[in-house]
Amino acid sequence: RLSCAASGISSINLMRWFRQTPGNERVLVATISSGGTT
């Protein structure tokens, strides 16, 4: 289970997870909106 805690900011709209392997671009893995849509 990965966690990501943000500080110094409020009213976050979209939160996302990407992943990247050597030599490749970051790839979108998952998204979640402020309303909980994933």
PDB file of all heavy atoms in Angstrom:
ATOM      1  N   ARG A   1       0.849  -1.183   0.000  1.00  0.00           N
ATOM      2  CA  ARG A   1       0.000   0.000   0.000  1.00  0.00           C
ATOM      3  C   ARG A   1       0.887   1.236   0.000  1.00  0.00           C
ATOM      4  O   ARG A   1       1.650   1.459   0.938  1.00  0.00           O
ATOM      5  CB  ARG A   1      -0.901   0.025   1.231  1.00  0.00           C
ATOM      6  CG  ARG A   1      -1.955   1.132   1.199  1.00  0.00           C
ATOM      7  CD  ARG A   1      -2.570   1.315   2.557  1.00  0.00           C
ATOM      8  NE  ARG A   1      -3.799   2.106   2.517  1.00  0.00           N
ATOM      9  CZ  ARG A   1      -4.270   2.793   3.560  1.00  0.00           C
ATOM     10  NH1 ARG A   1      -3.612   2.772   4.720  1.00  0.00           N
ATOM     11  NH2 ARG A   1      -5.391   3.478   3.459  1.00  0.00           N
ATOM     12  N   LEU A   2       0.776   2.014  -1.060  1.00  0.00           N
ATOM     13  CA  LEU A   2       1.526   3.254  -1.166  1.00  0.00           C
ATOM     14  C   LEU A   2       0.688   4.407  -0.619  1.00  0.00           C
ATOM     15  O   LEU A   2      -0.535   4.429  -0.769  1.00  0.00           O
ATOM     16  CB  LEU A   2       1.899   3.547  -2.614  1.00  0.00           C
ATOM     17  CG  LEU A   2       2.657   2.461  -3.366  1.00  0.00           C
ATOM     18  CD1 LEU A   2       3.001   2.955  -4.778  1.00  0.00           C
ATOM     19  CD2 LEU A   2       3.895   2.035  -2.630  1.00  0.00           C
ATOM     20  N   SER A   3       1.378   5.350   0.007  1.00  0.00           N
ATOM     21  CA  SER A   3       0.733   6.555   0.503  1.00  0.00           C
ATOM     22  C   SER A   3       1.472   7.775  -0.028  1.00  0.00           C
ATOM     23  O   SER A   3       2.684   7.729  -0.242  1.00  0.00           O
ATOM     24  CB  SER A   3       0.745   6.600   2.034  1.00  0.00           C
ATOM     25  OG  SER A   3       0.074   5.512   2.590  1.00  0.00           O
ATOM     26  N   CYS A   4       0.732   8.839  -0.195  1.00  0.00           N
ATOM     27  CA  CYS A   4       1.332  10.101  -0.628  1.00  0.00           C
ATOM     28  C   CYS A   4       0.608  11.220   0.099  1.00  0.00           C
ATOM     29  O   CYS A   4      -0.579  11.443  -0.144  1.00  0.00           O
ATOM     30  CB  CYS A   4       1.220  10.265  -2.131  1.00  0.00           C
ATOM     31  SG  CYS A   4       1.774  11.876  -2.748  1.00  0.00           S
ATOM     32  N   ALA A   5       1.326  11.886   0.987  1.00  0.00           N
ATOM     33  CA  ALA A   5       0.745  12.959   1.779  1.00  0.00           C
ATOM     34  C   ALA A   5       1.216  14.305   1.252  1.00  0.00           C
ATOM     35  O   ALA A   5       2.424  14.533   1.117  1.00  0.00           O
ATOM     36  CB  ALA A   5       1.133  12.807   3.243  1.00  0.00           C
ATOM     37  N   ALA A   6       0.266  15.172   0.973  1.00  0.00           N
ATOM     38  CA  ALA A   6       0.577  16.511   0.466  1.00  0.00           C
ATOM     39  C   ALA A   6       0.447  17.540   1.572  1.00  0.00           C
ATOM     40  O   ALA A   6      -0.489  17.491   2.374  1.00  0.00           O
ATOM     41  CB  ALA A   6      -0.359  16.868  -0.683  1.00  0.00           C
ATOM     42  N   SER A   7       1.377  18.457   1.606  1.00  0.00           N
ATOM     43  CA  SER A   7       1.320  19.549   2.574  1.00  0.00           C
ATOM     44  C   SER A   7       1.585  20.869   1.861  1.00  0.00           C
ATOM     45  O   SER A   7       2.142  20.899   0.758  1.00  0.00           O
ATOM     46  CB  SER A   7       2.355  19.345   3.680  1.00  0.00           C
ATOM     47  OG  SER A   7       3.665  19.309   3.148  1.00  0.00           O
ATOM     48  N   GLY A   8       1.137  21.949   2.476  1.00  0.00           N
ATOM     49  CA  GLY A   8       1.337  23.266   1.896  1.00  0.00           C
ATOM     50  C   GLY A   8       0.368  23.597   0.792  1.00  0.00           C
ATOM     51  O   GLY A   8       0.597  24.541   0.025  1.00  0.00           O
ATOM     52  N   ILE A   9      -0.715  22.845   0.735  1.00  0.00           N
ATOM     53  CA  ILE A   9      -1.681  23.059  -0.332  1.00  0.00           C
ATOM     54  C   ILE A   9      -3.050  22.579   0.118  1.00  0.00           C
ATOM     55  O   ILE A   9      -3.146  21.659   0.930  1.00  0.00           O
ATOM     56  CB  ILE A   9      -1.264  22.325  -1.625  1.00  0.00           C
ATOM     57  CG1 ILE A   9      -2.100  22.796  -2.811  1.00  0.00           C
ATOM     58  CG2 ILE A   9      -1.319  20.821  -1.445  1.00  0.00           C
ATOM     59  CD1 ILE A   9      -1.558  22.350  -4.155  1.00  0.00           C
ATOM     60  N   SER A  10      -4.077  23.213  -0.388  1.00  0.00           N
ATOM     61  CA  SER A  10      -5.438  22.778  -0.114  1.00  0.00           C
ATOM     62  C   SER A  10      -6.192  22.732  -1.439  1.00  0.00           C
ATOM     63  O   SER A  10      -5.668  23.093  -2.481  1.00  0.00           O
ATOM     64  CB  SER A  10      -6.120  23.730   0.876  1.00  0.00           C
ATOM     65  OG  SER A  10      -6.161  25.038   0.336  1.00  0.00           O
ATOM     66  N   SER A  11      -7.421  22.309  -1.379  1.00  0.00           N
ATOM     67  CA  SER A  11      -8.276  22.239  -2.573  1.00  0.00           C
ATOM     68  C   SER A  11      -7.605  21.492  -3.715  1.00  0.00           C
ATOM     69  O   SER A  11      -7.468  22.006  -4.827  1.00  0.00           O
ATOM     70  CB  SER A  11      -8.669  23.651  -3.029  1.00  0.00           C
ATOM     71  OG  SER A  11      -9.380  24.321  -2.019  1.00  0.00           O
ATOM     72  N   ILE A  12      -7.190  20.289  -3.437  1.00  0.00           N
ATOM     73  CA  ILE A  12      -6.588  19.435  -4.463  1.00  0.00           C
ATOM     74  C   ILE A  12      -7.693  18.851  -5.321  1.00  0.00           C
ATOM     75  O   ILE A  12      -8.649  18.272  -4.801  1.00  0.00           O
ATOM     76  CB  ILE A  12      -5.759  18.312  -3.821  1.00  0.00           C
ATOM     77  CG1 ILE A  12      -4.630  18.913  -2.988  1.00  0.00           C
ATOM     78  CG2 ILE A  12      -5.204  17.381  -4.894  1.00  0.00           C
ATOM     79  CD1 ILE A  12      -3.891  17.885  -2.149  1.00  0.00           C
ATOM     80  N   ASN A  13      -7.562  19.001  -6.615  1.00  0.00           N
ATOM     81  CA  ASN A  13      -8.592  18.474  -7.516  1.00  0.00           C
ATOM     82  C   ASN A  13      -8.333  16.997  -7.817  1.00  0.00           C
ATOM     83  O   ASN A  13      -9.020  16.115  -7.346  1.00  0.00           O
ATOM     84  CB  ASN A  13      -8.625  19.295  -8.800  1.00  0.00           C
ATOM     85  CG  ASN A  13      -9.071  20.711  -8.541  1.00  0.00           C
ATOM     86  OD1 ASN A  13      -9.894  20.976  -7.672  1.00  0.00           O
ATOM     87  ND2 ASN A  13      -8.517  21.650  -9.284  1.00  0.00           N
ATOM     88  N   LEU A  14      -7.316  16.748  -8.580  1.00  0.00           N
ATOM     89  CA  LEU A  14      -7.039  15.394  -9.035  1.00  0.00           C
ATOM     90  C   LEU A  14      -5.785  14.857  -8.338  1.00  0.00           C
ATOM     91  O   LEU A  14      -4.798  15.580  -8.188  1.00  0.00           O
ATOM     92  CB  LEU A  14      -6.830  15.404 -10.547  1.00  0.00           C
ATOM     93  CG  LEU A  14      -7.043  14.117 -11.310  1.00  0.00           C
ATOM     94  CD1 LEU A  14      -8.465  13.611 -11.151  1.00  0.00           C
ATOM     95  CD2 LEU A  14      -6.721  14.352 -12.788  1.00  0.00           C
ATOM     96  N   MET A  15      -5.853  13.614  -7.928  1.00  0.00           N
ATOM     97  CA  MET A  15      -4.688  12.938  -7.365  1.00  0.00           C
ATOM     98  C   MET A  15      -4.434  11.704  -8.209  1.00  0.00           C
ATOM     99  O   MET A  15      -5.383  10.972  -8.547  1.00  0.00           O
ATOM    100  CB  MET A  15      -4.918  12.573  -5.898  1.00  0.00           C
ATOM    101  CG  MET A  15      -5.331  13.757  -5.042  1.00  0.00           C
ATOM    102  SD  MET A  15      -5.521  13.368  -3.287  1.00  0.00           S
ATOM    103  CE  MET A  15      -3.844  13.653  -2.690  1.00  0.00           C
ATOM    104  N   ARG A  16      -3.185  11.473  -8.557  1.00  0.00           N
ATOM    105  CA  ARG A  16      -2.863  10.415  -9.510  1.00  0.00           C
ATOM    106  C   ARG A  16      -1.619   9.652  -9.090  1.00  0.00           C
ATOM    107  O   ARG A  16      -0.755  10.184  -8.389  1.00  0.00           O
ATOM    108  CB  ARG A  16      -2.640  11.002 -10.916  1.00  0.00           C
ATOM    109  CG  ARG A  16      -3.805  11.807 -11.427  1.00  0.00           C
ATOM    110  CD  ARG A  16      -3.607  12.279 -12.860  1.00  0.00           C
ATOM    111  NE  ARG A  16      -2.555  13.265 -12.998  1.00  0.00           N
ATOM    112  CZ  ARG A  16      -2.222  13.825 -14.161  1.00  0.00           C
ATOM    113  NH1 ARG A  16      -2.858  13.452 -15.266  1.00  0.00           N
ATOM    114  NH2 ARG A  16      -1.267  14.716 -14.217  1.00  0.00           N
ATOM    115  N   TRP A  17      -1.536   8.439  -9.555  1.00  0.00           N
ATOM    116  CA  TRP A  17      -0.334   7.626  -9.412  1.00  0.00           C
ATOM    117  C   TRP A  17       0.172   7.271 -10.807  1.00  0.00           C
ATOM    118  O   TRP A  17      -0.605   6.856 -11.672  1.00  0.00           O
ATOM    119  CB  TRP A  17      -0.604   6.340  -8.637  1.00  0.00           C
ATOM    120  CG  TRP A  17      -0.783   6.543  -7.168  1.00  0.00           C
ATOM    121  CD1 TRP A  17      -1.963   6.615  -6.485  1.00  0.00           C
ATOM    122  CD2 TRP A  17       0.250   6.674  -6.186  1.00  0.00           C
ATOM    123  NE1 TRP A  17      -1.730   6.807  -5.140  1.00  0.00           N
ATOM    124  CE2 TRP A  17      -0.375   6.836  -4.924  1.00  0.00           C
ATOM    125  CE3 TRP A  17       1.646   6.685  -6.236  1.00  0.00           C
ATOM    126  CZ2 TRP A  17       0.347   6.996  -3.746  1.00  0.00           C
ATOM    127  CZ3 TRP A  17       2.361   6.845  -5.066  1.00  0.00           C
ATOM    128  CH2 TRP A  17       1.715   6.998  -3.841  1.00  0.00           C
ATOM    129  N   PHE A  18       1.469   7.445 -10.989  1.00  0.00           N
ATOM    130  CA  PHE A  18       2.158   7.044 -12.199  1.00  0.00           C
ATOM    131  C   PHE A  18       3.232   6.034 -11.809  1.00  0.00           C
ATOM    132  O   PHE A  18       3.630   5.929 -10.657  1.00  0.00           O
ATOM    133  CB  PHE A  18       2.851   8.242 -12.865  1.00  0.00           C
ATOM    134  CG  PHE A  18       1.938   9.231 -13.512  1.00  0.00           C
ATOM    135  CD1 PHE A  18       1.176  10.113 -12.750  1.00  0.00           C
ATOM    136  CD2 PHE A  18       1.833   9.302 -14.893  1.00  0.00           C
ATOM    137  CE1 PHE A  18       0.333  11.045 -13.353  1.00  0.00           C
ATOM    138  CE2 PHE A  18       1.009  10.224 -15.503  1.00  0.00           C
ATOM    139  CZ  PHE A  18       0.260  11.097 -14.733  1.00  0.00           C
ATOM    140  N   ARG A  19       3.743   5.336 -12.809  1.00  0.00           N
ATOM    141  CA  ARG A  19       4.905   4.496 -12.584  1.00  0.00           C
ATOM    142  C   ARG A  19       5.840   4.592 -13.772  1.00  0.00           C
ATOM    143  O   ARG A  19       5.413   4.889 -14.887  1.00  0.00           O
ATOM    144  CB  ARG A  19       4.526   3.054 -12.289  1.00  0.00           C
ATOM    145  CG  ARG A  19       3.883   2.289 -13.422  1.00  0.00           C
ATOM    146  CD  ARG A  19       3.437   0.909 -12.915  1.00  0.00           C
ATOM    147  NE  ARG A  19       2.868   0.094 -13.969  1.00  0.00           N
ATOM    148  CZ  ARG A  19       2.297  -1.104 -13.749  1.00  0.00           C
ATOM    149  NH1 ARG A  19       2.230  -1.603 -12.520  1.00  0.00           N
ATOM    150  NH2 ARG A  19       1.804  -1.795 -14.766  1.00  0.00           N
ATOM    151  N   GLN A  20       7.099   4.332 -13.478  1.00  0.00           N
ATOM    152  CA  GLN A  20       8.115   4.476 -14.510  1.00  0.00           C
ATOM    153  C   GLN A  20       9.182   3.412 -14.333  1.00  0.00           C
ATOM    154  O   GLN A  20       9.670   3.174 -13.228  1.00  0.00           O
ATOM    155  CB  GLN A  20       8.741   5.875 -14.416  1.00  0.00           C
ATOM    156  CG  GLN A  20       9.710   6.204 -15.518  1.00  0.00           C
ATOM    157  CD  GLN A  20      10.177   7.649 -15.449  1.00  0.00           C
ATOM    158  OE1 GLN A  20      10.190   8.275 -14.390  1.00  0.00           O
ATOM    159  NE2 GLN A  20      10.560   8.198 -16.596  1.00  0.00           N
ATOM    160  N   THR A  21       9.551   2.795 -15.459  1.00  0.00           N
ATOM    161  CA  THR A  21      10.658   1.848 -15.481  1.00  0.00           C
ATOM    162  C   THR A  21      11.811   2.474 -16.259  1.00  0.00           C
ATOM    163  O   THR A  21      11.602   3.394 -17.055  1.00  0.00           O
ATOM    164  CB  THR A  21      10.235   0.528 -16.126  1.00  0.00           C
ATOM    165  OG1 THR A  21       9.659   0.796 -17.408  1.00  0.00           O
ATOM    166  CG2 THR A  21       9.192  -0.184 -15.275  1.00  0.00           C
ATOM    167  N   PRO A  22      13.030   1.991 -16.024  1.00  0.00           N
ATOM    168  CA  PRO A  22      14.206   2.601 -16.659  1.00  0.00           C
ATOM    169  C   PRO A  22      14.073   2.674 -18.176  1.00  0.00           C
ATOM    170  O   PRO A  22      13.711   1.682 -18.826  1.00  0.00           O
ATOM    171  CB  PRO A  22      15.345   1.680 -16.236  1.00  0.00           C
ATOM    172  CG  PRO A  22      14.892   1.127 -14.931  1.00  0.00           C
ATOM    173  CD  PRO A  22      13.409   0.941 -15.074  1.00  0.00           C
ATOM    174  N   GLY A  23      14.345   3.845 -18.715  1.00  0.00           N
ATOM    175  CA  GLY A  23      14.323   4.036 -20.148  1.00  0.00           C
ATOM    176  C   GLY A  23      12.952   4.281 -20.733  1.00  0.00           C
ATOM    177  O   GLY A  23      12.826   4.432 -21.961  1.00  0.00           O
ATOM    178  N   ASN A  24      11.942   4.313 -19.879  1.00  0.00           N
ATOM    179  CA  ASN A  24      10.572   4.503 -20.359  1.00  0.00           C
ATOM    180  C   ASN A  24       9.936   5.738 -19.736  1.00  0.00           C
ATOM    181  O   ASN A  24      10.407   6.262 -18.730  1.00  0.00           O
ATOM    182  CB  ASN A  24       9.726   3.274 -20.027  1.00  0.00           C
ATOM    183  CG  ASN A  24      10.198   2.042 -20.763  1.00  0.00           C
ATOM    184  OD1 ASN A  24      10.310   2.043 -21.994  1.00  0.00           O
ATOM    185  ND2 ASN A  24      10.485   0.982 -20.031  1.00  0.00           N
ATOM    186  N   GLU A  25       8.868   6.190 -20.348  1.00  0.00           N
ATOM    187  CA  GLU A  25       8.146   7.334 -19.824  1.00  0.00           C
ATOM    188  C   GLU A  25       7.261   6.911 -18.650  1.00  0.00           C
ATOM    189  O   GLU A  25       6.946   5.739 -18.482  1.00  0.00           O
ATOM    190  CB  GLU A  25       7.283   7.959 -20.918  1.00  0.00           C
ATOM    191  CG  GLU A  25       8.077   8.553 -22.070  1.00  0.00           C
ATOM    192  CD  GLU A  25       7.185   9.224 -23.090  1.00  0.00           C
ATOM    193  OE1 GLU A  25       5.949   9.126 -22.970  1.00  0.00           O
ATOM    194  OE2 GLU A  25       7.730   9.863 -24.010  1.00  0.00           O
ATOM    195  N   ARG A  26       6.865   7.912 -17.885  1.00  0.00           N
ATOM    196  CA  ARG A  26       5.925   7.641 -16.809  1.00  0.00           C
ATOM    197  C   ARG A  26       4.575   7.277 -17.403  1.00  0.00           C
ATOM    198  O   ARG A  26       4.105   7.911 -18.358  1.00  0.00           O
ATOM    199  CB  ARG A  26       5.785   8.868 -15.907  1.00  0.00           C
ATOM    200  CG  ARG A  26       7.011   9.108 -15.074  1.00  0.00           C
ATOM    201  CD  ARG A  26       6.873  10.263 -14.118  1.00  0.00           C
ATOM    202  NE  ARG A  26       8.171  10.567 -13.532  1.00  0.00           N
ATOM    203  CZ  ARG A  26       8.381  11.523 -12.636  1.00  0.00           C
ATOM    204  NH1 ARG A  26       7.360  12.274 -12.220  1.00  0.00           N
ATOM    205  NH2 ARG A  26       9.585  11.715 -12.165  1.00  0.00           N
ATOM    206  N   VAL A  27       3.978   6.287 -16.792  1.00  0.00           N
ATOM    207  CA  VAL A  27       2.695   5.786 -17.269  1.00  0.00           C
ATOM    208  C   VAL A  27       1.658   5.981 -16.163  1.00  0.00           C
ATOM    209  O   VAL A  27       1.909   5.664 -14.998  1.00  0.00           O
ATOM    210  CB  VAL A  27       2.791   4.291 -17.630  1.00  0.00           C
ATOM    211  CG1 VAL A  27       1.434   3.743 -18.017  1.00  0.00           C
ATOM    212  CG2 VAL A  27       3.798   4.094 -18.766  1.00  0.00           C
ATOM    213  N   LEU A  28       0.506   6.487 -16.556  1.00  0.00           N
ATOM    214  CA  LEU A  28      -0.571   6.697 -15.602  1.00  0.00           C
ATOM    215  C   LEU A  28      -1.131   5.356 -15.131  1.00  0.00           C
ATOM    216  O   LEU A  28      -1.469   4.499 -15.953  1.00  0.00           O
ATOM    217  CB  LEU A  28      -1.675   7.542 -16.241  1.00  0.00           C
ATOM    218  CG  LEU A  28      -2.872   7.871 -15.375  1.00  0.00           C
ATOM    219  CD1 LEU A  28      -2.469   8.702 -14.166  1.00  0.00           C
ATOM    220  CD2 LEU A  28      -3.927   8.601 -16.204  1.00  0.00           C
ATOM    221  N   VAL A  29      -1.250   5.229 -13.822  1.00  0.00           N
ATOM    222  CA  VAL A  29      -1.757   3.982 -13.246  1.00  0.00           C
ATOM    223  C   VAL A  29      -3.174   4.163 -12.713  1.00  0.00           C
ATOM    224  O   VAL A  29      -4.041   3.317 -12.945  1.00  0.00           O
ATOM    225  CB  VAL A  29      -0.833   3.504 -12.102  1.00  0.00           C
ATOM    226  CG1 VAL A  29      -1.416   2.281 -11.413  1.00  0.00           C
ATOM    227  CG2 VAL A  29       0.562   3.203 -12.626  1.00  0.00           C
ATOM    228  N   ALA A  30      -3.398   5.262 -11.985  1.00  0.00           N
ATOM    229  CA  ALA A  30      -4.701   5.444 -11.360  1.00  0.00           C
ATOM    230  C   ALA A  30      -4.943   6.917 -11.070  1.00  0.00           C
ATOM    231  O   ALA A  30      -3.994   7.670 -10.841  1.00  0.00           O
ATOM    232  CB  ALA A  30      -4.806   4.645 -10.066  1.00  0.00           C
ATOM    233  N   THR A  31      -6.212   7.299 -11.092  1.00  0.00           N
ATOM    234  CA  THR A  31      -6.596   8.662 -10.796  1.00  0.00           C
ATOM    235  C   THR A  31      -7.793   8.670  -9.859  1.00  0.00           C
ATOM    236  O   THR A  31      -8.593   7.727  -9.849  1.00  0.00           O
ATOM    237  CB  THR A  31      -6.972   9.442 -12.062  1.00  0.00           C
ATOM    238  OG1 THR A  31      -8.170   8.853 -12.618  1.00  0.00           O
ATOM    239  CG2 THR A  31      -5.883   9.392 -13.097  1.00  0.00           C
ATOM    240  N   ILE A  32      -7.919   9.753  -9.113  1.00  0.00           N
ATOM    241  CA  ILE A  32      -9.094   9.937  -8.277  1.00  0.00           C
ATOM    242  C   ILE A  32      -9.374  11.425  -8.169  1.00  0.00           C
ATOM    243  O   ILE A  32      -8.477  12.227  -7.900  1.00  0.00           O
ATOM    244  CB  ILE A  32      -8.924   9.275  -6.886  1.00  0.00           C
ATOM    245  CG1 ILE A  32     -10.231   9.374  -6.087  1.00  0.00           C
ATOM    246  CG2 ILE A  32      -7.728   9.840  -6.136  1.00  0.00           C
ATOM    247  CD1 ILE A  32     -10.257   8.458  -4.861  1.00  0.00           C
ATOM    248  N   SER A  33     -10.620  11.772  -8.392  1.00  0.00           N
ATOM    249  CA  SER A  33     -11.021  13.176  -8.331  1.00  0.00           C
ATOM    250  C   SER A  33     -11.341  13.573  -6.900  1.00  0.00           C
ATOM    251  O   SER A  33     -11.406  12.738  -6.001  1.00  0.00           O
ATOM    252  CB  SER A  33     -12.242  13.400  -9.218  1.00  0.00           C
ATOM    253  OG  SER A  33     -13.380  12.788  -8.611  1.00  0.00           O
ATOM    254  N   SER A  34     -11.582  14.858  -6.713  1.00  0.00           N
ATOM    255  CA  SER A  34     -11.925  15.338  -5.380  1.00  0.00           C
ATOM    256  C   SER A  34     -13.245  14.751  -4.900  1.00  0.00           C
ATOM    257  O   SER A  34     -13.472  14.610  -3.696  1.00  0.00           O
ATOM    258  CB  SER A  34     -12.003  16.866  -5.382  1.00  0.00           C
ATOM    259  OG  SER A  34     -12.945  17.314  -6.345  1.00  0.00           O
ATOM    260  N   GLY A  35     -14.086  14.385  -5.847  1.00  0.00           N
ATOM    261  CA  GLY A  35     -15.364  13.781  -5.492  1.00  0.00           C
ATOM    262  C   GLY A  35     -15.324  12.277  -5.341  1.00  0.00           C
ATOM    263  O   GLY A  35     -16.339  11.659  -5.009  1.00  0.00           O
ATOM    264  N   GLY A  36     -14.158  11.691  -5.607  1.00  0.00           N
ATOM    265  CA  GLY A  36     -14.006  10.255  -5.416  1.00  0.00           C
ATOM    266  C   GLY A  36     -14.144   9.410  -6.670  1.00  0.00           C
ATOM    267  O   GLY A  36     -14.072   8.181  -6.598  1.00  0.00           O
ATOM    268  N   THR A  37     -14.327  10.038  -7.811  1.00  0.00           N
ATOM    269  CA  THR A  37     -14.392   9.272  -9.053  1.00  0.00           C
ATOM    270  C   THR A  37     -13.007   8.749  -9.401  1.00  0.00           C
ATOM    271  O   THR A  37     -12.034   9.503  -9.384  1.00  0.00           O
ATOM    272  CB  THR A  37     -14.909  10.146 -10.195  1.00  0.00           C
ATOM    273  OG1 THR A  37     -16.219  10.627  -9.863  1.00  0.00           O
ATOM    274  CG2 THR A  37     -14.983   9.341 -11.487  1.00  0.00           C
ATOM    275  N   THR A  38     -12.932   7.466  -9.707  1.00  0.00           N
ATOM    276  CA  THR A  38     -11.631   6.840  -9.949  1.00  0.00           C
ATOM    277  C   THR A  38     -11.484   6.338 -11.376  1.00  0.00           C
ATOM    278  O   THR A  38     -12.470   6.094 -12.077  1.00  0.00           O
ATOM    279  CB  THR A  38     -11.410   5.662  -8.991  1.00  0.00           C
ATOM    280  OG1 THR A  38     -12.411   4.666  -9.234  1.00  0.00           O
ATOM    281  CG2 THR A  38     -11.481   6.103  -7.546  1.00  0.00           C
TER     282      THR A  38
END
